[in-house]
Amino acid sequence: MKLISSKEVYACRIFTVAEERAAARDGFEIERSIVHHPGAAVMMALDRRNRILLVRQYRLPARQRLWELPAGRIDPGETPLAAARRELQEETGYRARRWRKLVSFYASPGYVDERMTIYVARDLTAGLANPMDDERIEGRWFTQKELDEMICKGRILDGKTLVGYQTWKLHRRELGL
C-alpha cells in the first residue's frame, strides 16, 4: 500500500487528525481518518519484592479514575526510553537505575498510529513527583496476587497495563526480569 493523500483536519497539543487515502498496485484503496500521535512510553516499575507500581487518575474519556501503569507522551526529539525516565519521575517521583524494554505495540491501529513502548524499571530511588497541572495522580504498590485479582474482577481496564503486566508475567524469567 502507498499513501496517496493526506490532509490534516484537526490539530491540538497532543495529536493531529488527518483524512488519508492509500492504494495498492491492483487499485484497491483505503480511506480513513487517522489520529497521529507521537507515541507513549510506559513504565512498569518493580520494587525489590517484585511489587508493581500503579498510578490512579481520572480519565475523562473513560469518565472514571483508573489504575494503570505510569505512562506519558514522547516529546519531539525524545526517545521512548528518555520519555520513560522523565515520565516515571514526573508522575511518581521515582528514578530507576536499570531499564529494560519489555514490548512495543500499537494501542488501536484501526484509527490511531500511537505506538506504546513498555519498559521495566528496577533499582528505584524515591523522590518528589512533579505531575502536570491537569493531573492528580495517586500511586500505590500492588502484589502480583492483587493485580491478578483486580484483572479477574474487571477492575483493571487500561489496555497498556493489561499488555504490560501479562507480557511481563509470561517472559520475565527468559528476559531476566
N, C-alpha and C. Protein backbone atom coordinates (compact mmCIF):
# COMPACT_ATOMS: atom_id res chain seq x y z
N MET A 1 0.85 -1.18 0.00
CA MET A 1 0.00 0.00 0.00
C MET A 1 0.89 1.24 0.00
N LYS A 2 0.42 2.24 -0.70
CA LYS A 2 1.15 3.50 -0.80
C LYS A 2 0.20 4.63 -0.43
N LEU A 3 0.65 5.53 0.45
CA LEU A 3 -0.13 6.70 0.81
C LEU A 3 -0.24 7.61 -0.40
N ILE A 4 -1.47 7.96 -0.78
CA ILE A 4 -1.63 8.83 -1.96
C ILE A 4 -2.17 10.21 -1.61
N SER A 5 -2.76 10.37 -0.42
CA SER A 5 -3.17 11.71 0.01
C SER A 5 -3.30 11.75 1.52
N SER A 6 -3.03 12.93 2.07
CA SER A 6 -3.16 13.16 3.50
C SER A 6 -3.47 14.63 3.72
N LYS A 7 -4.58 14.91 4.39
CA LYS A 7 -4.98 16.28 4.67
C LYS A 7 -5.28 16.41 6.16
N GLU A 8 -4.51 17.27 6.85
CA GLU A 8 -4.75 17.49 8.27
C GLU A 8 -6.06 18.26 8.43
N VAL A 9 -6.95 17.74 9.29
CA VAL A 9 -8.24 18.38 9.51
C VAL A 9 -8.41 18.89 10.94
N TYR A 10 -7.50 18.50 11.84
CA TYR A 10 -7.57 18.96 13.23
C TYR A 10 -6.19 18.82 13.85
N ALA A 11 -5.87 19.76 14.75
CA ALA A 11 -4.61 19.69 15.49
C ALA A 11 -4.81 20.25 16.89
N CYS A 12 -4.21 19.59 17.88
CA CYS A 12 -4.19 20.10 19.25
C CYS A 12 -2.79 19.80 19.81
N ARG A 13 -2.58 20.08 21.07
CA ARG A 13 -1.23 19.91 21.63
C ARG A 13 -0.81 18.45 21.79
N ILE A 14 -1.75 17.52 21.72
CA ILE A 14 -1.43 16.11 21.94
C ILE A 14 -1.38 15.31 20.64
N PHE A 15 -2.24 15.61 19.68
CA PHE A 15 -2.30 14.82 18.45
C PHE A 15 -2.86 15.66 17.31
N THR A 16 -2.81 15.09 16.10
CA THR A 16 -3.46 15.66 14.92
C THR A 16 -4.36 14.60 14.31
N VAL A 17 -5.30 15.05 13.50
CA VAL A 17 -6.18 14.13 12.76
C VAL A 17 -6.06 14.47 11.29
N ALA A 18 -5.90 13.44 10.46
CA ALA A 18 -5.79 13.63 9.02
C ALA A 18 -6.74 12.69 8.29
N GLU A 19 -7.27 13.16 7.17
CA GLU A 19 -8.02 12.31 6.25
C GLU A 19 -6.99 11.77 5.27
N GLU A 20 -6.86 10.44 5.20
CA GLU A 20 -5.81 9.85 4.38
C GLU A 20 -6.37 8.77 3.45
N ARG A 21 -5.68 8.62 2.33
CA ARG A 21 -6.01 7.56 1.36
C ARG A 21 -4.73 6.82 1.00
N ALA A 22 -4.86 5.51 0.87
CA ALA A 22 -3.75 4.67 0.43
C ALA A 22 -4.28 3.75 -0.66
N ALA A 23 -3.39 3.37 -1.57
CA ALA A 23 -3.80 2.50 -2.68
C ALA A 23 -2.76 1.41 -2.90
N ALA A 24 -3.25 0.26 -3.32
CA ALA A 24 -2.39 -0.85 -3.71
C ALA A 24 -2.19 -0.82 -5.22
N ARG A 25 -1.22 -1.56 -5.72
CA ARG A 25 -0.96 -1.59 -7.16
C ARG A 25 -2.14 -2.10 -7.97
N ASP A 26 -2.94 -2.97 -7.35
CA ASP A 26 -4.09 -3.53 -8.08
C ASP A 26 -5.31 -2.61 -8.07
N GLY A 27 -5.17 -1.40 -7.49
CA GLY A 27 -6.26 -0.45 -7.49
C GLY A 27 -7.09 -0.41 -6.21
N PHE A 28 -6.89 -1.37 -5.31
CA PHE A 28 -7.60 -1.38 -4.03
C PHE A 28 -7.21 -0.15 -3.23
N GLU A 29 -8.21 0.56 -2.65
CA GLU A 29 -7.95 1.76 -1.89
C GLU A 29 -8.57 1.70 -0.50
N ILE A 30 -7.91 2.38 0.43
CA ILE A 30 -8.42 2.53 1.79
C ILE A 30 -8.45 4.03 2.09
N GLU A 31 -9.56 4.49 2.68
CA GLU A 31 -9.67 5.88 3.11
C GLU A 31 -10.06 5.89 4.58
N ARG A 32 -9.31 6.62 5.39
CA ARG A 32 -9.56 6.65 6.82
C ARG A 32 -9.26 8.03 7.40
N SER A 33 -9.89 8.30 8.53
CA SER A 33 -9.47 9.42 9.39
C SER A 33 -8.47 8.83 10.37
N ILE A 34 -7.28 9.39 10.40
CA ILE A 34 -6.20 8.84 11.22
C ILE A 34 -5.79 9.84 12.29
N VAL A 35 -5.73 9.37 13.53
CA VAL A 35 -5.20 10.18 14.62
C VAL A 35 -3.70 9.93 14.65
N HIS A 36 -2.92 10.99 14.47
CA HIS A 36 -1.46 10.89 14.53
C HIS A 36 -1.01 11.33 15.92
N HIS A 37 -0.34 10.44 16.60
CA HIS A 37 0.13 10.65 17.98
C HIS A 37 1.61 10.32 18.02
N PRO A 38 2.41 11.09 18.75
CA PRO A 38 3.86 10.86 18.75
C PRO A 38 4.31 9.58 19.46
N GLY A 39 3.41 8.90 20.12
CA GLY A 39 3.77 7.68 20.83
C GLY A 39 3.87 7.92 22.32
N ALA A 40 3.92 6.82 23.06
CA ALA A 40 3.95 6.91 24.52
C ALA A 40 4.95 5.92 25.08
N ALA A 41 5.52 6.33 26.19
CA ALA A 41 6.40 5.45 26.96
C ALA A 41 5.64 5.02 28.21
N VAL A 42 5.75 3.76 28.54
CA VAL A 42 5.03 3.17 29.67
C VAL A 42 6.06 2.54 30.59
N MET A 43 5.88 2.72 31.90
CA MET A 43 6.85 2.21 32.85
C MET A 43 6.23 1.17 33.78
N MET A 44 6.87 0.03 33.85
CA MET A 44 6.49 -0.99 34.81
C MET A 44 7.57 -0.99 35.87
N ALA A 45 7.35 -0.20 36.91
CA ALA A 45 8.32 -0.06 37.99
C ALA A 45 8.11 -1.18 39.00
N LEU A 46 9.19 -1.88 39.30
CA LEU A 46 9.15 -3.01 40.24
C LEU A 46 10.08 -2.73 41.41
N ASP A 47 9.58 -2.96 42.62
CA ASP A 47 10.45 -2.80 43.78
C ASP A 47 11.18 -4.12 44.06
N ARG A 48 11.94 -4.16 45.13
CA ARG A 48 12.76 -5.35 45.46
C ARG A 48 11.91 -6.58 45.74
N ARG A 49 10.65 -6.39 46.11
CA ARG A 49 9.74 -7.51 46.39
C ARG A 49 8.89 -7.88 45.17
N ASN A 50 9.23 -7.30 44.00
CA ASN A 50 8.50 -7.52 42.75
C ASN A 50 7.07 -7.01 42.81
N ARG A 51 6.83 -6.02 43.66
CA ARG A 51 5.53 -5.35 43.61
C ARG A 51 5.57 -4.36 42.45
N ILE A 52 4.40 -4.10 41.89
CA ILE A 52 4.28 -3.24 40.71
C ILE A 52 3.64 -1.92 41.12
N LEU A 53 4.23 -0.84 40.66
CA LEU A 53 3.71 0.49 40.96
C LEU A 53 2.66 0.88 39.92
N LEU A 54 1.45 1.15 40.40
CA LEU A 54 0.40 1.66 39.54
C LEU A 54 0.03 3.07 40.00
N VAL A 55 -0.48 3.84 39.08
CA VAL A 55 -1.00 5.16 39.41
C VAL A 55 -2.48 5.18 39.09
N ARG A 56 -3.20 6.04 39.81
CA ARG A 56 -4.63 6.17 39.55
C ARG A 56 -4.92 7.65 39.33
N GLN A 57 -5.61 7.89 38.23
CA GLN A 57 -6.00 9.25 37.92
C GLN A 57 -7.32 9.23 37.15
N TYR A 58 -7.98 10.38 37.15
CA TYR A 58 -9.24 10.48 36.43
C TYR A 58 -8.95 10.55 34.95
N ARG A 59 -9.63 9.69 34.18
CA ARG A 59 -9.50 9.67 32.73
C ARG A 59 -10.82 10.14 32.13
N LEU A 60 -10.81 11.33 31.59
CA LEU A 60 -12.04 11.93 31.08
C LEU A 60 -12.76 11.06 30.05
N PRO A 61 -12.07 10.48 29.04
CA PRO A 61 -12.81 9.64 28.08
C PRO A 61 -13.50 8.44 28.74
N ALA A 62 -12.91 7.88 29.78
CA ALA A 62 -13.49 6.73 30.47
C ALA A 62 -14.50 7.15 31.55
N ARG A 63 -14.48 8.44 31.90
CA ARG A 63 -15.37 9.00 32.92
C ARG A 63 -15.18 8.36 34.29
N GLN A 64 -13.93 7.95 34.58
CA GLN A 64 -13.65 7.35 35.88
C GLN A 64 -12.16 7.38 36.17
N ARG A 65 -11.83 7.13 37.42
CA ARG A 65 -10.43 7.01 37.82
C ARG A 65 -9.99 5.58 37.55
N LEU A 66 -8.86 5.44 36.90
CA LEU A 66 -8.36 4.12 36.52
C LEU A 66 -7.00 3.86 37.15
N TRP A 67 -6.78 2.61 37.57
CA TRP A 67 -5.45 2.17 37.96
C TRP A 67 -4.72 1.76 36.69
N GLU A 68 -3.48 2.22 36.54
CA GLU A 68 -2.72 1.92 35.33
C GLU A 68 -1.22 2.06 35.57
N LEU A 69 -0.45 1.50 34.67
CA LEU A 69 0.99 1.72 34.70
C LEU A 69 1.25 3.19 34.37
N PRO A 70 2.24 3.81 35.01
CA PRO A 70 2.57 5.19 34.65
C PRO A 70 2.97 5.25 33.18
N ALA A 71 2.60 6.34 32.53
CA ALA A 71 2.90 6.48 31.10
C ALA A 71 2.84 7.94 30.71
N GLY A 72 3.42 8.23 29.56
CA GLY A 72 3.34 9.59 29.06
C GLY A 72 3.77 9.69 27.62
N ARG A 73 3.41 10.79 27.02
CA ARG A 73 3.71 11.06 25.62
C ARG A 73 5.20 11.27 25.41
N ILE A 74 5.66 10.84 24.26
CA ILE A 74 7.04 11.07 23.85
C ILE A 74 7.09 12.47 23.23
N ASP A 75 7.91 13.33 23.77
CA ASP A 75 8.03 14.70 23.26
C ASP A 75 8.88 14.72 21.99
N PRO A 76 8.72 15.77 21.18
CA PRO A 76 9.52 15.88 19.94
C PRO A 76 11.02 15.78 20.23
N GLY A 77 11.71 14.94 19.45
CA GLY A 77 13.15 14.75 19.61
C GLY A 77 13.54 13.82 20.74
N GLU A 78 12.59 13.28 21.45
CA GLU A 78 12.85 12.43 22.61
C GLU A 78 12.74 10.96 22.21
N THR A 79 13.59 10.12 22.75
CA THR A 79 13.47 8.69 22.52
C THR A 79 12.43 8.11 23.49
N PRO A 80 11.89 6.95 23.19
CA PRO A 80 10.95 6.33 24.14
C PRO A 80 11.57 6.12 25.53
N LEU A 81 12.83 5.71 25.59
CA LEU A 81 13.47 5.49 26.89
C LEU A 81 13.64 6.80 27.65
N ALA A 82 14.04 7.86 26.97
CA ALA A 82 14.17 9.15 27.64
C ALA A 82 12.82 9.62 28.17
N ALA A 83 11.77 9.40 27.40
CA ALA A 83 10.42 9.76 27.85
C ALA A 83 10.02 8.93 29.06
N ALA A 84 10.37 7.65 29.06
CA ALA A 84 10.05 6.78 30.20
C ALA A 84 10.74 7.28 31.46
N ARG A 85 12.01 7.61 31.35
CA ARG A 85 12.75 8.13 32.52
C ARG A 85 12.11 9.41 33.05
N ARG A 86 11.78 10.32 32.15
CA ARG A 86 11.18 11.60 32.53
C ARG A 86 9.80 11.39 33.15
N GLU A 87 8.97 10.61 32.50
CA GLU A 87 7.60 10.41 32.97
C GLU A 87 7.54 9.68 34.32
N LEU A 88 8.41 8.70 34.53
CA LEU A 88 8.41 7.99 35.81
C LEU A 88 8.66 8.98 36.94
N GLN A 89 9.65 9.83 36.75
CA GLN A 89 9.97 10.82 37.78
C GLN A 89 8.84 11.84 37.95
N GLU A 90 8.29 12.34 36.83
CA GLU A 90 7.23 13.34 36.92
C GLU A 90 5.99 12.81 37.62
N GLU A 91 5.56 11.59 37.24
CA GLU A 91 4.30 11.06 37.77
C GLU A 91 4.42 10.42 39.14
N THR A 92 5.58 9.85 39.45
CA THR A 92 5.70 9.08 40.70
C THR A 92 6.80 9.57 41.63
N GLY A 93 7.75 10.33 41.11
CA GLY A 93 8.90 10.75 41.91
C GLY A 93 10.05 9.77 41.88
N TYR A 94 9.81 8.56 41.38
CA TYR A 94 10.86 7.54 41.36
C TYR A 94 11.81 7.72 40.18
N ARG A 95 13.05 7.34 40.42
CA ARG A 95 14.06 7.22 39.37
C ARG A 95 14.55 5.78 39.42
N ALA A 96 14.93 5.25 38.26
CA ALA A 96 15.39 3.86 38.19
C ALA A 96 16.80 3.81 37.63
N ARG A 97 17.61 2.91 38.17
CA ARG A 97 18.97 2.72 37.66
C ARG A 97 19.01 1.73 36.51
N ARG A 98 18.08 0.74 36.52
CA ARG A 98 18.08 -0.28 35.47
C ARG A 98 16.78 -0.21 34.68
N TRP A 99 16.94 -0.22 33.35
CA TRP A 99 15.80 -0.18 32.44
C TRP A 99 15.94 -1.29 31.42
N ARG A 100 14.81 -1.89 31.08
CA ARG A 100 14.80 -2.94 30.07
C ARG A 100 13.51 -2.83 29.26
N LYS A 101 13.66 -2.80 27.95
CA LYS A 101 12.47 -2.75 27.10
C LYS A 101 11.74 -4.08 27.19
N LEU A 102 10.44 -4.00 27.40
CA LEU A 102 9.61 -5.20 27.52
C LEU A 102 8.87 -5.50 26.22
N VAL A 103 8.15 -4.52 25.68
CA VAL A 103 7.35 -4.74 24.49
C VAL A 103 6.96 -3.39 23.88
N SER A 104 6.71 -3.41 22.61
CA SER A 104 6.21 -2.23 21.90
C SER A 104 5.00 -2.67 21.08
N PHE A 105 3.95 -1.84 21.05
CA PHE A 105 2.73 -2.23 20.34
C PHE A 105 1.93 -1.00 19.95
N TYR A 106 1.02 -1.18 19.00
CA TYR A 106 0.09 -0.13 18.61
C TYR A 106 -1.16 -0.24 19.49
N ALA A 107 -1.56 0.88 20.06
CA ALA A 107 -2.67 0.87 21.01
C ALA A 107 -4.00 0.48 20.34
N SER A 108 -4.28 1.04 19.17
CA SER A 108 -5.52 0.75 18.46
C SER A 108 -5.32 1.13 16.99
N PRO A 109 -4.64 0.27 16.21
CA PRO A 109 -4.19 0.63 14.87
C PRO A 109 -5.29 0.80 13.82
N GLY A 110 -6.53 0.65 14.19
CA GLY A 110 -7.61 0.88 13.24
C GLY A 110 -7.82 2.36 12.93
N TYR A 111 -7.42 3.23 13.86
CA TYR A 111 -7.62 4.67 13.63
C TYR A 111 -6.54 5.56 14.22
N VAL A 112 -5.61 5.01 14.99
CA VAL A 112 -4.56 5.84 15.61
C VAL A 112 -3.21 5.18 15.42
N ASP A 113 -2.18 5.99 15.13
CA ASP A 113 -0.83 5.45 14.91
C ASP A 113 0.03 5.46 16.17
N GLU A 114 -0.59 5.69 17.33
CA GLU A 114 0.16 5.72 18.58
C GLU A 114 0.82 4.37 18.85
N ARG A 115 2.13 4.41 19.03
CA ARG A 115 2.88 3.22 19.39
C ARG A 115 3.34 3.38 20.84
N MET A 116 3.05 2.38 21.64
CA MET A 116 3.43 2.40 23.05
C MET A 116 4.60 1.46 23.26
N THR A 117 5.57 1.92 24.02
CA THR A 117 6.73 1.10 24.36
C THR A 117 6.78 0.98 25.87
N ILE A 118 6.77 -0.27 26.35
CA ILE A 118 6.76 -0.52 27.79
C ILE A 118 8.16 -0.94 28.23
N TYR A 119 8.62 -0.29 29.31
CA TYR A 119 9.91 -0.60 29.91
C TYR A 119 9.71 -1.09 31.33
N VAL A 120 10.58 -2.01 31.74
CA VAL A 120 10.64 -2.43 33.14
C VAL A 120 11.72 -1.58 33.80
N ALA A 121 11.34 -0.97 34.91
CA ALA A 121 12.26 -0.11 35.66
C ALA A 121 12.57 -0.76 37.00
N ARG A 122 13.87 -0.93 37.30
CA ARG A 122 14.30 -1.58 38.55
C ARG A 122 15.31 -0.69 39.27
N ASP A 123 15.67 -1.10 40.48
CA ASP A 123 16.62 -0.36 41.32
C ASP A 123 16.16 1.08 41.47
N LEU A 124 15.04 1.22 42.14
CA LEU A 124 14.37 2.51 42.25
C LEU A 124 14.86 3.34 43.42
N THR A 125 14.83 4.65 43.23
CA THR A 125 15.11 5.62 44.27
C THR A 125 13.92 6.56 44.33
N ALA A 126 13.37 6.74 45.54
CA ALA A 126 12.20 7.60 45.70
C ALA A 126 12.60 9.07 45.63
N GLY A 127 11.66 9.88 45.21
CA GLY A 127 11.85 11.32 45.15
C GLY A 127 10.49 11.99 45.10
N LEU A 128 10.49 13.26 44.74
CA LEU A 128 9.25 14.01 44.67
C LEU A 128 8.67 13.98 43.26
N ALA A 129 7.39 13.70 43.20
CA ALA A 129 6.69 13.71 41.91
C ALA A 129 6.48 15.16 41.47
N ASN A 130 6.34 15.34 40.17
CA ASN A 130 6.11 16.66 39.59
C ASN A 130 5.09 16.53 38.45
N PRO A 131 3.84 16.17 38.79
CA PRO A 131 2.85 15.95 37.72
C PRO A 131 2.48 17.27 37.02
N MET A 132 1.89 17.13 35.84
CA MET A 132 1.42 18.29 35.09
C MET A 132 0.27 18.95 35.86
N ASP A 133 -0.01 20.19 35.53
CA ASP A 133 -1.05 20.95 36.22
C ASP A 133 -2.43 20.30 36.14
N ASP A 134 -2.70 19.56 35.05
CA ASP A 134 -4.02 18.95 34.89
C ASP A 134 -4.05 17.49 35.34
N GLU A 135 -3.07 17.08 36.14
CA GLU A 135 -3.01 15.70 36.64
C GLU A 135 -3.07 15.68 38.17
N ARG A 136 -3.91 14.81 38.69
CA ARG A 136 -3.93 14.47 40.11
C ARG A 136 -3.69 12.98 40.17
N ILE A 137 -2.50 12.60 40.58
CA ILE A 137 -2.08 11.21 40.48
C ILE A 137 -1.83 10.63 41.86
N GLU A 138 -2.42 9.46 42.07
CA GLU A 138 -2.22 8.69 43.30
C GLU A 138 -1.42 7.44 42.91
N GLY A 139 -0.37 7.14 43.65
CA GLY A 139 0.43 5.95 43.36
C GLY A 139 0.28 4.91 44.46
N ARG A 140 0.40 3.65 44.08
CA ARG A 140 0.32 2.56 45.06
C ARG A 140 1.02 1.32 44.52
N TRP A 141 1.66 0.58 45.43
CA TRP A 141 2.32 -0.67 45.07
C TRP A 141 1.33 -1.82 45.19
N PHE A 142 1.36 -2.73 44.21
CA PHE A 142 0.48 -3.90 44.20
C PHE A 142 1.29 -5.17 44.05
N THR A 143 0.86 -6.21 44.75
CA THR A 143 1.48 -7.52 44.56
C THR A 143 0.90 -8.16 43.30
N GLN A 144 1.55 -9.21 42.82
CA GLN A 144 1.03 -9.93 41.66
C GLN A 144 -0.35 -10.52 41.96
N LYS A 145 -0.51 -11.04 43.17
CA LYS A 145 -1.80 -11.62 43.55
C LYS A 145 -2.90 -10.57 43.50
N GLU A 146 -2.61 -9.37 44.02
CA GLU A 146 -3.61 -8.31 43.99
C GLU A 146 -3.95 -7.91 42.55
N LEU A 147 -2.93 -7.79 41.70
CA LEU A 147 -3.20 -7.44 40.30
C LEU A 147 -3.98 -8.53 39.58
N ASP A 148 -3.62 -9.79 39.81
CA ASP A 148 -4.37 -10.88 39.19
C ASP A 148 -5.85 -10.82 39.59
N GLU A 149 -6.12 -10.56 40.86
CA GLU A 149 -7.50 -10.47 41.33
C GLU A 149 -8.22 -9.28 40.71
N MET A 150 -7.54 -8.15 40.63
CA MET A 150 -8.14 -6.94 40.04
C MET A 150 -8.48 -7.18 38.57
N ILE A 151 -7.59 -7.85 37.85
CA ILE A 151 -7.84 -8.14 36.45
C ILE A 151 -9.03 -9.08 36.31
N CYS A 152 -9.07 -10.14 37.12
CA CYS A 152 -10.18 -11.11 37.05
C CYS A 152 -11.52 -10.47 37.39
N LYS A 153 -11.50 -9.47 38.27
CA LYS A 153 -12.74 -8.80 38.67
C LYS A 153 -13.08 -7.61 37.78
N GLY A 154 -12.30 -7.39 36.73
CA GLY A 154 -12.59 -6.30 35.81
C GLY A 154 -12.27 -4.93 36.36
N ARG A 155 -11.35 -4.85 37.33
CA ARG A 155 -11.00 -3.56 37.93
C ARG A 155 -9.78 -2.91 37.29
N ILE A 156 -9.09 -3.62 36.42
CA ILE A 156 -8.03 -3.02 35.60
C ILE A 156 -8.60 -2.96 34.18
N LEU A 157 -8.85 -1.75 33.71
CA LEU A 157 -9.49 -1.57 32.41
C LEU A 157 -8.56 -0.94 31.38
N ASP A 158 -7.38 -0.58 31.79
CA ASP A 158 -6.43 0.09 30.92
C ASP A 158 -5.63 -0.92 30.10
N GLY A 159 -5.68 -0.77 28.77
CA GLY A 159 -5.05 -1.73 27.87
C GLY A 159 -3.54 -1.85 28.04
N LYS A 160 -2.84 -0.73 28.18
CA LYS A 160 -1.38 -0.79 28.29
C LYS A 160 -0.96 -1.52 29.57
N THR A 161 -1.77 -1.39 30.61
CA THR A 161 -1.48 -2.07 31.87
C THR A 161 -1.69 -3.57 31.71
N LEU A 162 -2.76 -3.95 31.05
CA LEU A 162 -3.01 -5.38 30.80
C LEU A 162 -1.91 -5.98 29.93
N VAL A 163 -1.54 -5.29 28.86
CA VAL A 163 -0.47 -5.79 27.97
C VAL A 163 0.85 -5.88 28.72
N GLY A 164 1.21 -4.84 29.42
CA GLY A 164 2.49 -4.82 30.13
C GLY A 164 2.59 -5.88 31.21
N TYR A 165 1.57 -5.97 32.04
CA TYR A 165 1.60 -6.93 33.14
C TYR A 165 1.62 -8.37 32.63
N GLN A 166 0.75 -8.69 31.68
CA GLN A 166 0.70 -10.06 31.17
C GLN A 166 1.98 -10.42 30.40
N THR A 167 2.53 -9.50 29.65
CA THR A 167 3.79 -9.77 28.93
C THR A 167 4.91 -10.00 29.92
N TRP A 168 4.98 -9.18 30.96
CA TRP A 168 6.00 -9.35 31.99
C TRP A 168 5.86 -10.72 32.67
N LYS A 169 4.63 -11.10 33.02
CA LYS A 169 4.42 -12.40 33.67
C LYS A 169 4.87 -13.56 32.78
N LEU A 170 4.59 -13.46 31.48
CA LEU A 170 4.94 -14.54 30.55
C LEU A 170 6.43 -14.65 30.29
N HIS A 171 7.14 -13.53 30.27
CA HIS A 171 8.52 -13.53 29.79
C HIS A 171 9.57 -13.07 30.79
N ARG A 172 9.19 -12.83 32.04
CA ARG A 172 10.15 -12.25 32.97
C ARG A 172 11.36 -13.14 33.23
N ARG A 173 11.18 -14.42 33.27
CA ARG A 173 12.32 -15.30 33.56
C ARG A 173 13.30 -15.35 32.37
N GLU A 174 12.75 -15.51 31.16
CA GLU A 174 13.64 -15.59 29.99
C GLU A 174 14.33 -14.26 29.69
N LEU A 175 13.71 -13.14 30.11
CA LEU A 175 14.32 -11.83 29.90
C LEU A 175 15.17 -11.37 31.08
N GLY A 176 15.20 -12.18 32.12
CA GLY A 176 15.96 -11.80 33.31
C GLY A 176 15.33 -10.66 34.07
N LEU A 177 13.99 -10.61 34.06
CA LEU A 177 13.27 -9.52 34.73
C LEU A 177 12.66 -10.02 36.02
